[in-house]
Amino acid sequence: MAKSGKIRENNVIEMFTERELQVIRLICAQASNEEMAIKLKRGIRTIEGYRANILDKMKVRNTAGMVIYAVKTGIYKIRK
């Protein structure tokens, strides 16, 4: 059963670009749009575009849904 979970996790990760995965992980780590823009050397509007694309791909409505999705699928792992 763990094997099928890994396959599902890999398929989910493949639907996002590397930059989108970076944005997801930064959002889960509580970074603001401004902080992400500085860290990724992009404009705030570009970060907002990534967020919109991510929400659309995940089929969720807000940041809370994005974080739940990221944790459930293994995109973001909560550290103790």
Protein backbone atom coordinates (compact mmCIF):
# COMPACT_ATOMS: atom_id res chain seq x y z
CA MET A 1 0.00 0.00 0.00
CA ALA A 2 2.88 2.40 0.69
CA LYS A 3 4.01 1.90 -2.90
CA SER A 4 0.74 3.23 -4.31
CA GLY A 5 1.02 6.25 -1.99
CA LYS A 6 4.45 7.01 -3.45
CA ILE A 7 3.11 6.77 -6.99
CA ARG A 8 0.27 9.14 -6.12
CA GLU A 9 2.69 11.58 -4.47
CA ASN A 10 4.97 11.57 -7.52
CA ASN A 11 2.05 12.12 -9.90
CA VAL A 12 0.86 15.07 -7.84
CA ILE A 13 4.30 16.66 -7.75
CA GLU A 14 4.67 16.27 -11.53
CA MET A 15 1.64 18.49 -12.17
CA PHE A 16 3.51 21.51 -10.75
CA THR A 17 6.54 23.34 -12.13
CA GLU A 18 9.66 23.61 -9.98
CA ARG A 19 8.87 27.28 -9.33
CA GLU A 20 5.30 26.43 -8.28
CA LEU A 21 6.64 23.81 -5.87
CA GLN A 22 8.97 26.44 -4.40
CA VAL A 23 6.05 28.83 -3.95
CA ILE A 24 3.90 26.10 -2.35
CA ARG A 25 6.64 25.25 0.13
CA LEU A 26 7.25 28.90 0.96
CA ILE A 27 3.53 29.47 1.52
CA CYS A 28 3.43 26.45 3.82
CA ALA A 29 6.40 27.94 5.69
CA GLN A 30 4.32 31.13 6.16
CA ALA A 31 6.24 33.39 3.78
CA SER A 32 4.40 36.50 2.60
CA ASN A 33 4.10 37.43 -1.08
CA GLU A 34 6.71 40.11 -0.51
CA GLU A 35 9.13 37.67 1.11
CA MET A 36 8.64 35.18 -1.72
CA ALA A 37 9.19 37.88 -4.34
CA ILE A 38 12.51 38.83 -2.74
CA LYS A 39 13.66 35.24 -2.20
CA LEU A 40 12.72 34.10 -5.72
CA LYS A 41 13.78 37.38 -7.38
CA ARG A 42 10.36 37.89 -8.94
CA GLY A 43 7.74 40.62 -8.78
CA ILE A 44 4.80 40.44 -6.40
CA ARG A 45 2.39 40.20 -9.36
CA THR A 46 4.34 37.19 -10.62
CA ILE A 47 4.02 35.54 -7.20
CA GLU A 48 0.30 36.29 -7.23
CA GLY A 49 0.11 34.60 -10.65
CA TYR A 50 1.86 31.51 -9.31
CA ARG A 51 -0.56 31.40 -6.39
CA ALA A 52 -3.57 31.62 -8.73
CA ASN A 53 -2.21 28.83 -10.96
CA ILE A 54 -1.48 26.63 -7.95
CA LEU A 55 -4.97 27.13 -6.51
CA ASP A 56 -6.45 26.26 -9.90
CA LYS A 57 -4.34 23.12 -10.32
CA MET A 58 -5.11 21.96 -6.76
CA LYS A 59 -8.80 22.82 -7.21
CA VAL A 60 -8.87 24.58 -3.83
CA ARG A 61 -10.21 28.04 -2.96
CA ASN A 62 -7.72 29.56 -0.56
CA THR A 63 -4.36 29.34 1.19
CA ALA A 64 -5.69 27.06 3.92
CA GLY A 65 -6.84 24.59 1.26
CA MET A 66 -3.47 24.84 -0.45
CA VAL A 67 -1.60 24.01 2.75
CA ILE A 68 -3.90 21.07 3.55
CA TYR A 69 -3.47 19.75 0.02
CA ALA A 70 0.32 20.14 0.17
CA VAL A 71 0.59 18.29 3.48
CA LYS A 72 -1.81 15.49 2.49
CA THR A 73 0.00 14.81 -0.79
CA GLY A 74 3.52 15.06 0.62
CA ILE A 75 4.52 18.22 -1.25
CA TYR A 76 5.22 19.79 2.15
CA LYS A 77 6.34 17.80 5.16
CA ILE A 78 5.80 19.22 8.61
CA ARG A 79 8.96 19.03 10.69
CA LYS A 80 8.84 18.39 14.41
